[in-house]
């Protein structure tokens, strides 16, 4: 991917079949389905691909065990099927992971065991493995650092794990491979209308500051937690509301878990679910589910949320985590569709599509696991509404950029898949620091081929360093700026500005 080349395509194109606003999971899913069916597609993103919620998930590809509790059987079945498809199409980014529910009451094992057997049955042929009852000894063997006091045993089940930001970047690549055009730092300003119907958008290149009027037969709003704001400009009378829900995650050293298996706590002190998931060389502990009034691009964890995670995590770990043990904290916002008298933790994660009277398609809600289905559903509706006579979706068998089987997840470059050697050959393989898996080669590759424009792009999403160890990222930021500057032919002023911007951002990622 090259931003300058894609900008030339935009400058030379008079119109598009479809323009997608939003470069997160939902927008990427729509764009991929559309271009793979032969449509001329442009996707624009105001910030960077996956900048918001789509890079700040719990890193799970799952049906949602807790959704069974809410009676959302159709969502669970849909998500379990999509989980299997994601694993099949992107084995370099998605893997099977074992989750263990430690049980401390005699009734926990049969209660959760029955629920997980139902979960297995719903997955069908796309299941990742059967759930099983574990004895106390077996539970300790699989999670040595589990709290053993009054431990009865456990239940092991299987779900998926992935790298969300790397999936976003790989999907952007895949869109390009299928004839689509993607561009970051390109802001939607307003819709264009002709005869009362949408005819395109006004947009601004955030880097060059040039304004554009882009014509399109179809325009899709897929901006996650910001979708309502855009929808209101198109249809001020709409009654649909997005209720953002904040999810906070703490990152700890792997020693707190000391296992390749994850822990799932099905019922915390306030009824939420908590995970402790091994990821890279750390463990992610989360998440919260806190209603927030306004959506922001950089949500910040509250002290209450941090304390909630620590206090509930320590009940299940022999090594008790404290604030000083937190290597990084990251926060995302869920784009939940509001329902009267329901709290955020009770709201459905299912997506919805709304077509306004002026013809704009608004994609609302949803979750990473169902990104493909969201895109397919929307393009199916576009096809039926506009009588396009498109071929059926083929994304259920479309391999994602970098597709590679039999990779080692112990390899810090595994998420590049088949493109790993391209990265290695881009520069020096020497790590910038012994505390983070980042090399000179990765930075150069990110700038040249992955549209990385800022230090944040490199450290947060092209690599996951900011989420792994925020304080160490602050130390290496000047080095990253220097390498990027050389590739971008930027000035020393650019370096200083970038370092300042990154330091201001990074302070919210550590305690």
Protein backbone atom coordinates (compact mmCIF):
# COMPACT_ATOMS: atom_id res chain seq x y z
CA UNK A 1 0.00 0.00 0.00
CA UNK A 2 1.29 3.40 -0.93
CA UNK A 3 -0.62 6.51 0.07
CA UNK A 4 0.80 8.74 -2.68
CA UNK A 5 -0.20 6.22 -5.35
CA UNK A 6 -3.69 5.90 -3.92
CA UNK A 7 -4.04 9.66 -3.74
CA UNK A 8 -3.26 9.82 -7.46
CA UNK A 9 -6.09 7.33 -8.07
CA UNK A 10 -8.45 9.56 -6.14
CA UNK A 11 -7.33 12.64 -8.07
CA UNK A 12 -7.82 10.91 -11.41
CA UNK A 13 -11.14 9.21 -10.72
CA UNK A 14 -14.37 11.05 -11.57
CA UNK A 15 -16.67 8.72 -9.67
CA UNK A 16 -16.92 5.52 -7.62
CA UNK A 17 -19.44 2.75 -7.36
CA UNK A 18 -19.17 2.86 -3.59
CA UNK A 19 -17.45 5.08 -1.01
CA UNK A 20 -16.99 3.74 2.53
CA UNK A 21 -16.46 6.19 5.40
CA UNK A 22 -14.50 4.52 8.19
CA UNK A 23 -11.39 2.35 8.24
CA UNK A 24 -12.16 0.13 11.20
CA UNK A 25 -13.49 -3.43 11.25
CA UNK A 26 -16.94 -2.64 9.83
CA UNK A 27 -15.75 -0.31 7.06
CA UNK A 28 -12.98 -2.68 5.98
CA UNK A 29 -15.48 -5.55 5.89
CA UNK A 30 -17.85 -3.58 3.66
CA UNK A 31 -15.09 -2.43 1.29
CA UNK A 32 -13.65 -5.93 0.94
CA UNK A 33 -16.98 -7.52 0.16
CA UNK A 34 -17.81 -4.80 -2.37
CA UNK A 35 -14.54 -4.80 -4.31
CA UNK A 36 -14.35 -8.61 -4.32
CA UNK A 37 -17.71 -8.56 -6.15
CA UNK A 38 -16.35 -6.21 -8.80
CA UNK A 39 -17.42 -2.77 -7.55
CA UNK A 40 -15.13 0.25 -7.83
CA UNK A 41 -14.56 1.05 -4.16
CA UNK A 42 -12.94 3.85 -2.19
CA UNK A 43 -12.49 3.60 1.59
CA UNK A 44 -11.48 6.71 3.53
CA UNK A 45 -10.36 6.91 7.15
CA UNK A 46 -10.05 10.19 9.08
CA UNK A 47 -7.18 8.94 11.22
CA UNK A 48 -5.37 5.64 10.69
CA UNK A 49 -6.80 2.22 9.88
CA UNK A 50 -8.07 0.69 13.12
CA UNK A 51 -7.16 3.80 15.12
CA UNK A 52 -10.22 3.57 17.35
CA UNK A 53 -12.00 0.59 18.83
CA UNK A 54 -10.74 -1.79 16.14
CA UNK A 55 -7.21 -1.84 17.58
CA UNK A 56 -8.23 -1.90 21.25
CA UNK A 57 -10.19 -5.11 21.64
CA UNK A 58 -9.49 -8.01 24.01
CA UNK A 59 -7.88 -9.71 20.96
CA UNK A 60 -10.57 -12.41 20.90
CA UNK A 61 -12.37 -13.95 17.96
CA UNK A 62 -15.28 -15.54 19.73
CA UNK A 63 -18.90 -16.48 19.71
CA UNK A 64 -19.37 -14.81 23.05
CA UNK A 65 -20.00 -17.25 25.87
CA UNK A 66 -21.69 -14.54 27.92
CA UNK A 67 -24.16 -13.77 25.10
CA UNK A 68 -25.74 -17.16 25.83
CA UNK A 69 -26.67 -15.73 29.24
CA UNK A 70 -28.50 -12.90 27.46
CA UNK A 71 -30.34 -15.39 25.25
CA UNK A 72 -28.74 -14.10 22.03
CA UNK A 73 -28.51 -17.50 20.39
CA UNK A 74 -28.60 -16.21 16.82
CA UNK A 75 -25.67 -13.85 17.49
CA UNK A 76 -23.64 -16.64 19.11
CA UNK A 77 -24.28 -19.01 16.20
CA UNK A 78 -23.38 -16.30 13.69
CA UNK A 79 -20.22 -15.31 15.55
CA UNK A 80 -19.07 -18.92 15.98
CA UNK A 81 -19.40 -19.49 12.25
CA UNK A 82 -17.49 -16.28 11.51
CA UNK A 83 -14.80 -17.30 14.01
CA UNK A 84 -14.20 -20.45 12.00
CA UNK A 85 -14.08 -18.52 8.72
CA UNK A 86 -11.56 -16.01 10.14
CA UNK A 87 -9.28 -18.81 11.27
CA UNK A 88 -9.55 -20.51 7.88
CA UNK A 89 -8.85 -17.35 5.86
CA UNK A 90 -6.19 -15.77 8.09
CA UNK A 91 -4.28 -18.47 10.02
CA UNK A 92 -1.29 -16.09 10.37
CA UNK A 93 -3.48 -13.68 12.35
CA UNK A 94 -6.00 -15.93 14.10
CA UNK A 95 -5.35 -18.98 16.26
CA UNK A 96 -7.12 -21.48 18.45
CA UNK A 97 -6.72 -20.69 22.15
CA UNK A 98 -7.68 -22.69 25.22
CA UNK A 99 -9.66 -20.85 27.91
CA UNK A 100 -10.06 -22.19 31.43
CA UNK A 101 -12.80 -21.30 33.87
CA UNK A 102 -11.49 -22.08 37.38
CA UNK A 103 -14.30 -23.37 39.59
CA UNK A 104 -14.53 -22.73 43.33
CA UNK A 105 -18.09 -23.81 44.15
CA UNK A 106 -19.32 -27.38 43.72
CA UNK A 107 -22.04 -26.28 41.32
CA UNK A 108 -19.75 -24.19 39.06
CA UNK A 109 -18.46 -27.14 37.07
CA UNK A 110 -21.80 -28.64 35.97
CA UNK A 111 -23.39 -25.20 35.53
CA UNK A 112 -20.74 -23.78 33.22
CA UNK A 113 -19.95 -27.18 31.74
CA UNK A 114 -23.47 -27.56 30.35
CA UNK A 115 -23.39 -24.05 28.90
CA UNK A 116 -20.08 -24.69 27.16
CA UNK A 117 -21.30 -27.98 25.69
CA UNK A 118 -24.14 -25.99 24.13
CA UNK A 119 -21.49 -23.53 22.89
CA UNK A 120 -19.61 -26.45 21.27
CA UNK A 121 -22.76 -27.75 19.59
CA UNK A 122 -23.58 -24.32 18.17
CA UNK A 123 -20.14 -24.11 16.54
CA UNK A 124 -20.81 -27.33 14.60
CA UNK A 125 -18.16 -28.29 12.04
CA UNK A 126 -16.36 -24.99 12.59
CA UNK A 127 -15.70 -25.78 16.24
CA UNK A 128 -12.14 -25.41 17.52
CA UNK A 129 -12.26 -28.28 20.00
CA UNK A 130 -14.57 -29.79 22.64
CA UNK A 131 -14.90 -28.38 26.13
CA UNK A 132 -13.84 -30.65 28.99
CA UNK A 133 -14.08 -30.86 32.75
CA UNK A 134 -10.77 -30.57 34.58
CA UNK A 135 -9.78 -31.83 38.01
CA UNK A 136 -8.06 -29.56 40.50
CA UNK A 137 -4.71 -31.11 39.60
CA UNK A 138 -5.30 -30.72 35.85
CA UNK A 139 -6.36 -27.09 36.31
CA UNK A 140 -3.17 -26.27 38.24
CA UNK A 141 -1.04 -28.05 35.64
CA UNK A 142 -2.52 -25.90 32.87
CA UNK A 143 -2.46 -22.63 34.85
CA UNK A 144 0.25 -22.93 37.53
CA UNK A 145 -0.41 -19.43 38.86
CA UNK A 146 -4.13 -19.90 39.42
CA UNK A 147 -5.35 -19.22 42.95
CA UNK A 148 -5.51 -22.69 44.52
CA UNK A 149 -7.38 -21.76 47.70
CA UNK A 150 -10.73 -23.60 47.68
CA UNK A 151 -10.18 -24.50 44.00
CA UNK A 152 -12.38 -27.44 42.94
CA UNK A 153 -11.28 -27.82 39.33
CA UNK A 154 -12.03 -26.13 36.06
CA UNK A 155 -13.52 -26.27 32.61
CA UNK A 156 -11.49 -25.86 29.47
CA UNK A 157 -13.02 -24.64 26.22
CA UNK A 158 -11.74 -23.24 22.92
CA UNK A 159 -12.10 -19.87 21.27
CA UNK A 160 -10.05 -17.73 18.92
CA UNK A 161 -7.37 -15.11 19.43
CA UNK A 162 -6.14 -12.58 16.88
CA UNK A 163 -4.20 -9.39 16.40
CA UNK A 164 -6.88 -6.77 15.71
CA UNK A 165 -4.77 -3.92 14.31
CA UNK A 166 -2.73 -6.26 12.15
CA UNK A 167 -5.98 -7.75 10.85
CA UNK A 168 -7.11 -4.23 9.92
CA UNK A 169 -3.88 -3.52 8.02
CA UNK A 170 -4.05 -6.91 6.28
CA UNK A 171 -7.66 -6.29 5.25
CA UNK A 172 -6.65 -2.93 3.77
CA UNK A 173 -3.99 -4.77 1.75
CA UNK A 174 -6.55 -7.38 0.68
CA UNK A 175 -8.92 -4.66 -0.51
CA UNK A 176 -6.15 -3.29 -2.71
CA UNK A 177 -5.38 -6.77 -4.04
CA UNK A 178 -9.03 -6.97 -5.11
CA UNK A 179 -9.04 -3.65 -6.94
CA UNK A 180 -10.21 -1.34 -4.17
CA UNK A 181 -8.58 1.91 -3.04
CA UNK A 182 -7.92 2.77 0.61
CA UNK A 183 -6.51 5.91 2.18
CA UNK A 184 -5.90 7.05 5.74
CA UNK A 185 -5.84 10.57 7.15
CA UNK A 186 -8.66 11.51 4.79
CA UNK A 187 -11.62 13.14 6.56
CA UNK A 188 -15.30 13.04 5.62
CA UNK A 189 -16.77 16.55 5.86
CA UNK A 190 -20.32 16.24 4.52
CA UNK A 191 -22.56 14.42 2.06
CA UNK A 192 -23.32 15.65 -1.45
CA UNK A 193 -26.89 15.42 -2.71
CA UNK A 194 -28.57 15.69 -6.09
CA UNK A 195 -32.34 15.78 -6.40
CA UNK A 196 -32.67 14.82 -2.76
CA UNK A 197 -30.45 11.72 -3.06
CA UNK A 198 -26.86 11.19 -1.95
CA UNK A 199 -24.41 11.63 -4.82
CA UNK A 200 -21.08 11.55 -2.99
CA UNK A 201 -19.11 13.25 -0.24
CA UNK A 202 -17.00 16.27 0.54
CA UNK A 203 -13.70 15.30 2.15
CA UNK A 204 -10.34 16.76 3.16
CA UNK A 205 -6.89 15.23 2.94
CA UNK A 206 -5.54 15.74 6.46
CA UNK A 207 -1.95 15.74 5.25
CA UNK A 208 -2.11 17.99 2.17
CA UNK A 209 -5.18 19.95 3.45
CA UNK A 210 -6.71 19.73 -0.03
CA UNK A 211 -10.50 19.52 -0.29
CA UNK A 212 -12.32 17.02 -2.51
CA UNK A 213 -15.78 16.44 -3.91
CA UNK A 214 -16.02 12.71 -4.59
CA UNK A 215 -18.93 11.29 -6.57
CA UNK A 216 -20.37 7.86 -5.78
CA UNK A 217 -23.43 5.77 -6.58
CA UNK A 218 -23.52 4.48 -3.01
CA UNK A 219 -22.13 5.94 0.23
CA UNK A 220 -21.71 3.89 3.41
CA UNK A 221 -21.27 5.28 6.91
CA UNK A 222 -19.26 2.68 8.86
CA UNK A 223 -17.69 4.81 11.55
CA UNK A 224 -18.44 2.76 14.67
CA UNK A 225 -19.07 4.88 17.76
CA UNK A 226 -19.16 8.00 15.58
CA UNK A 227 -21.82 6.65 13.21
CA UNK A 228 -24.72 8.42 14.94
CA UNK A 229 -23.10 11.84 14.53
CA UNK A 230 -22.69 11.32 10.79
CA UNK A 231 -26.16 9.77 10.50
CA UNK A 232 -27.75 12.85 12.11
CA UNK A 233 -26.32 15.08 9.38
CA UNK A 234 -28.02 12.85 6.81
CA UNK A 235 -31.25 12.24 8.73
CA UNK A 236 -31.77 14.66 11.64
CA UNK A 237 -35.06 12.97 12.54
CA UNK A 238 -33.55 9.53 13.05
CA UNK A 239 -34.42 7.97 16.42
CA UNK A 240 -31.48 5.53 16.35
CA UNK A 241 -28.90 6.15 19.06
CA UNK A 242 -25.46 4.76 19.71
CA UNK A 243 -24.63 4.13 23.35
CA UNK A 244 -20.81 3.94 23.65
CA UNK A 245 -19.50 1.46 26.17
CA UNK A 246 -15.93 1.73 27.40
CA UNK A 247 -13.74 -1.35 27.68
CA UNK A 248 -10.45 -1.05 29.58
CA UNK A 249 -7.56 -3.53 29.46
CA UNK A 250 -4.45 -3.77 31.62
CA UNK A 251 -1.27 -5.36 30.32
CA UNK A 252 0.91 -7.32 32.75
CA UNK A 253 4.06 -9.38 32.52
CA UNK A 254 3.43 -12.96 31.36
CA UNK A 255 4.64 -14.24 34.76
CA UNK A 256 1.29 -13.28 36.29
CA UNK A 257 -0.36 -16.03 34.25
CA UNK A 258 2.62 -18.31 33.51
CA UNK A 259 0.60 -20.26 30.96
CA UNK A 260 -0.28 -20.51 27.29
CA UNK A 261 -3.90 -20.93 28.37
CA UNK A 262 -6.21 -18.03 29.12
CA UNK A 263 -8.43 -17.57 32.17
CA UNK A 264 -12.08 -16.65 31.79
CA UNK A 265 -13.95 -15.38 34.83
CA UNK A 266 -17.66 -15.67 33.97
CA UNK A 267 -19.03 -13.64 36.87
CA UNK A 268 -17.08 -10.81 38.45
CA UNK A 269 -18.11 -8.68 41.42
CA UNK A 270 -20.57 -6.70 39.27
CA UNK A 271 -21.66 -9.51 36.96
CA UNK A 272 -19.29 -8.80 34.08
CA UNK A 273 -16.91 -11.21 32.39
CA UNK A 274 -13.15 -10.90 32.88
CA UNK A 275 -10.38 -12.43 30.77
CA UNK A 276 -6.66 -12.92 31.37
CA UNK A 277 -5.23 -13.71 27.95
CA UNK A 278 -1.60 -14.45 26.95
CA UNK A 279 -0.61 -12.26 24.01
CA UNK A 280 2.90 -11.75 22.66
CA UNK A 281 5.07 -11.86 25.82
CA UNK A 282 2.46 -10.27 28.08
CA UNK A 283 -0.98 -11.00 29.47
CA UNK A 284 -4.02 -8.83 28.75
CA UNK A 285 -6.51 -8.53 31.61
CA UNK A 286 -9.93 -7.05 30.93
CA UNK A 287 -12.41 -5.86 30.14
CA UNK A 288 -14.77 -3.35 31.68
CA UNK A 289 -18.16 -2.34 30.34
CA UNK A 290 -18.75 1.26 31.38
CA UNK A 291 -21.31 3.54 29.78
CA UNK A 292 -19.88 6.84 28.56
CA UNK A 293 -21.78 9.89 27.42
CA UNK A 294 -19.67 11.01 24.49
CA UNK A 295 -17.47 9.09 22.07
CA UNK A 296 -13.85 10.24 21.80
CA UNK A 297 -11.03 8.98 19.62
CA UNK A 298 -8.74 8.59 22.66
CA UNK A 299 -10.83 7.32 25.58
CA UNK A 300 -9.04 7.19 28.93
CA UNK A 301 -9.33 4.56 31.63
CA UNK A 302 -10.76 5.72 34.94
CA UNK A 303 -9.27 4.87 38.33
CA UNK A 304 -12.41 2.89 39.17
CA UNK A 305 -12.04 0.72 36.07
CA UNK A 306 -8.37 0.05 36.76
CA UNK A 307 -9.10 -0.85 40.39
CA UNK A 308 -12.00 -3.09 39.31
CA UNK A 309 -9.76 -5.13 37.00
CA UNK A 310 -6.94 -5.44 39.54
CA UNK A 311 -9.23 -6.41 42.43
CA UNK A 312 -11.02 -9.08 40.39
CA UNK A 313 -7.83 -10.41 38.78
CA UNK A 314 -6.09 -10.90 42.10
CA UNK A 315 -8.85 -13.30 43.22
CA UNK A 316 -7.70 -15.76 40.56
CA UNK A 317 -3.92 -15.31 40.59
CA UNK A 318 -1.33 -16.41 43.13
CA UNK A 319 0.81 -13.44 42.09
CA UNK A 320 -1.33 -10.41 42.91
CA UNK A 321 -1.06 -7.57 40.34
CA UNK A 322 -0.78 -3.97 41.48
CA UNK A 323 -0.69 -0.65 39.67
CA UNK A 324 3.11 -0.68 39.52
CA UNK A 325 2.95 -3.98 37.62
CA UNK A 326 0.88 -2.54 34.77
CA UNK A 327 3.04 -2.22 31.63
CA UNK A 328 0.30 -0.56 29.59
CA UNK A 329 -3.38 0.32 29.74
CA UNK A 330 -5.56 0.69 26.65
CA UNK A 331 -9.18 1.61 26.20
CA UNK A 332 -11.73 1.14 23.43
CA UNK A 333 -15.38 2.10 22.89
CA UNK A 334 -18.03 -0.38 21.78
CA UNK A 335 -20.59 1.02 19.29
CA UNK A 336 -23.71 -0.41 20.95
CA UNK A 337 -27.16 0.37 19.63
CA UNK A 338 -29.20 1.87 22.46
CA UNK A 339 -32.27 0.08 23.79
CA UNK A 340 -34.63 1.61 26.33
CA UNK A 341 -33.97 0.69 29.97
CA UNK A 342 -30.99 -1.56 29.18
CA UNK A 343 -27.48 -1.13 30.57
CA UNK A 344 -24.52 -1.38 28.22
CA UNK A 345 -23.54 -4.86 29.40
CA UNK A 346 -27.05 -6.08 28.44
CA UNK A 347 -27.08 -4.48 24.99
CA UNK A 348 -26.72 -6.67 21.93
CA UNK A 349 -23.46 -6.78 19.98
CA UNK A 350 -25.40 -7.57 16.81
CA UNK A 351 -25.11 -5.17 13.89
CA UNK A 352 -27.88 -3.26 12.18
CA UNK A 353 -28.17 -1.51 8.79
CA UNK A 354 -30.22 1.64 8.27
CA UNK A 355 -30.81 3.18 4.83
CA UNK A 356 -31.90 6.79 4.99
CA UNK A 357 -34.51 8.38 2.73
CA UNK A 358 -31.65 10.13 0.94
CA UNK A 359 -29.98 6.80 0.18
CA UNK A 360 -27.06 6.71 2.62
CA UNK A 361 -26.37 3.27 4.11
CA UNK A 362 -25.49 3.43 7.82
CA UNK A 363 -23.85 0.36 9.38
CA UNK A 364 -24.37 0.33 13.14
CA UNK A 365 -23.14 -1.82 16.03
CA UNK A 366 -21.42 -5.14 15.49
CA UNK A 367 -18.19 -6.73 16.71
CA UNK A 368 -14.82 -7.67 15.19
CA UNK A 369 -15.67 -11.35 14.91
CA UNK A 370 -18.57 -10.63 12.56
CA UNK A 371 -16.84 -8.00 10.41
CA UNK A 372 -17.13 -10.18 7.28
CA UNK A 373 -20.83 -10.89 7.81
CA UNK A 374 -21.49 -7.19 8.42
CA UNK A 375 -19.87 -6.32 5.10
CA UNK A 376 -21.71 -9.07 3.23
CA UNK A 377 -25.09 -8.12 4.70
CA UNK A 378 -24.65 -4.48 3.73
CA UNK A 379 -23.54 -5.18 0.16
CA UNK A 380 -26.36 -7.72 -0.23
CA UNK A 381 -28.77 -4.93 0.74
CA UNK A 382 -27.09 -2.49 -1.67
CA UNK A 383 -27.36 -5.12 -4.39
CA UNK A 384 -31.08 -5.71 -3.75
CA UNK A 385 -31.94 -2.02 -3.30
CA UNK A 386 -30.08 -0.77 -6.37
CA UNK A 387 -30.75 -3.91 -8.47
CA UNK A 388 -27.05 -4.31 -9.30
CA UNK A 389 -27.20 -8.02 -10.07
CA UNK A 390 -23.90 -8.66 -8.28
CA UNK A 391 -22.46 -12.12 -7.85
CA UNK A 392 -22.87 -13.66 -4.37
CA UNK A 393 -20.29 -12.76 -1.73
CA UNK A 394 -17.11 -14.83 -1.84
CA UNK A 395 -15.39 -13.49 1.26
CA UNK A 396 -16.11 -16.70 3.19
CA UNK A 397 -13.29 -18.30 1.19
CA UNK A 398 -11.16 -15.23 0.40
CA UNK A 399 -7.66 -15.51 1.83
CA UNK A 400 -6.44 -12.48 3.75
CA UNK A 401 -3.21 -10.74 2.72
CA UNK A 402 -0.16 -12.58 4.02
CA UNK A 403 -2.02 -15.90 4.28
CA UNK A 404 0.29 -18.61 5.58
CA UNK A 405 -0.23 -21.93 7.31
CA UNK A 406 1.94 -23.64 9.91
CA UNK A 407 3.47 -20.46 11.29
CA UNK A 408 5.05 -20.29 14.72
CA UNK A 409 3.33 -17.86 17.06
CA UNK A 410 6.57 -17.68 19.01
CA UNK A 411 8.04 -15.81 16.03
CA UNK A 412 7.63 -12.06 16.76
CA UNK A 413 7.09 -11.51 13.00
CA UNK A 414 4.45 -14.22 12.58
CA UNK A 415 1.65 -11.76 11.81
CA UNK A 416 3.29 -10.83 8.49
CA UNK A 417 2.65 -14.39 7.31
CA UNK A 418 3.97 -14.99 3.80
CA UNK A 419 5.28 -11.41 3.69
CA UNK A 420 7.73 -11.94 6.55
CA UNK A 421 10.85 -12.03 4.38
CA UNK A 422 9.80 -8.82 2.64
CA UNK A 423 9.88 -7.20 6.07
CA UNK A 424 13.18 -8.80 7.06
CA UNK A 425 14.83 -7.61 3.85
CA UNK A 426 13.67 -4.01 4.37
CA UNK A 427 16.33 -3.12 6.91
CA UNK A 428 18.31 -4.18 9.93
CA UNK A 429 16.93 -7.17 11.89
CA UNK A 430 18.39 -5.83 15.13
CA UNK A 431 15.81 -4.96 17.79
CA UNK A 432 15.66 -1.33 18.89
CA UNK A 433 15.38 -2.47 22.51
CA UNK A 434 15.53 -5.80 24.34
CA UNK A 435 12.15 -5.08 25.93
CA UNK A 436 10.08 -4.82 22.73
CA UNK A 437 9.79 -6.86 19.51
CA UNK A 438 10.50 -4.05 17.02
CA UNK A 439 13.26 -3.69 14.46
CA UNK A 440 14.53 -1.06 12.08
CA UNK A 441 13.21 -3.24 9.24
CA UNK A 442 9.65 -3.17 10.57
CA UNK A 443 9.62 0.61 10.79
CA UNK A 444 10.92 1.02 7.23
CA UNK A 445 8.41 -1.55 5.92
CA UNK A 446 5.55 0.17 7.75
CA UNK A 447 6.39 3.51 6.14
CA UNK A 448 7.03 2.15 2.63
CA UNK A 449 4.26 -0.40 2.29
CA UNK A 450 1.73 0.06 5.11
CA UNK A 451 0.90 3.79 4.98
CA UNK A 452 2.38 4.52 8.42
CA UNK A 453 2.59 8.31 8.79
CA UNK A 454 3.17 8.84 12.51
CA UNK A 455 5.14 7.34 15.39
CA UNK A 456 1.81 6.22 16.81
CA UNK A 457 0.96 4.36 13.58
CA UNK A 458 4.19 2.38 13.90
CA UNK A 459 4.26 1.73 17.64
CA UNK A 460 0.54 1.21 18.23
CA UNK A 461 -0.79 -0.53 15.10
CA UNK A 462 1.95 -1.65 12.63
CA UNK A 463 3.63 -3.14 15.67
CA UNK A 464 1.85 -3.49 19.01
CA UNK A 465 4.61 -2.02 21.15
CA UNK A 466 2.54 0.75 22.74
CA UNK A 467 0.09 -1.82 24.06
CA UNK A 468 2.87 -4.11 25.27
CA UNK A 469 5.05 -1.61 27.15
CA UNK A 470 4.12 2.07 27.03
CA UNK A 471 7.08 3.37 29.06
CA UNK A 472 9.61 1.62 26.84
CA UNK A 473 7.91 3.11 23.78
CA UNK A 474 8.46 6.57 25.20
CA UNK A 475 12.19 5.80 25.40
CA UNK A 476 12.49 4.63 21.79
CA UNK A 477 10.20 7.26 20.23
CA UNK A 478 13.12 9.51 19.12
CA UNK A 479 14.80 6.56 17.38
CA UNK A 480 11.57 5.64 15.60
CA UNK A 481 11.11 9.28 14.53
CA UNK A 482 14.64 9.37 13.11
CA UNK A 483 14.11 6.21 11.02
CA UNK A 484 10.70 7.38 9.78
CA UNK A 485 12.03 10.83 8.94
CA UNK A 486 14.69 9.32 6.70
CA UNK A 487 12.09 7.30 4.77
CA UNK A 488 9.60 10.17 4.52
CA UNK A 489 12.23 12.79 3.68
CA UNK A 490 10.91 14.77 6.62
CA UNK A 491 12.59 17.57 8.53
CA UNK A 492 13.95 17.78 12.06
CA UNK A 493 10.92 19.92 12.90
CA UNK A 494 8.71 17.01 11.85
CA UNK A 495 10.68 14.71 14.16
CA UNK A 496 10.32 17.06 17.13
CA UNK A 497 6.59 17.52 16.49
CA UNK A 498 6.03 13.79 16.13
CA UNK A 499 7.91 13.02 19.34
CA UNK A 500 5.86 15.60 21.25
CA UNK A 501 2.57 14.27 19.86
CA UNK A 502 3.51 10.71 20.73
CA UNK A 503 4.64 11.55 24.25
CA UNK A 504 1.35 13.39 24.88
CA UNK A 505 -0.53 10.31 23.66
CA UNK A 506 1.58 7.70 25.44
CA UNK A 507 1.10 9.23 28.89
CA UNK A 508 -2.48 7.89 28.79
CA UNK A 509 -1.18 4.36 28.21
CA UNK A 510 0.79 4.00 31.43
CA UNK A 511 -0.02 4.53 35.11
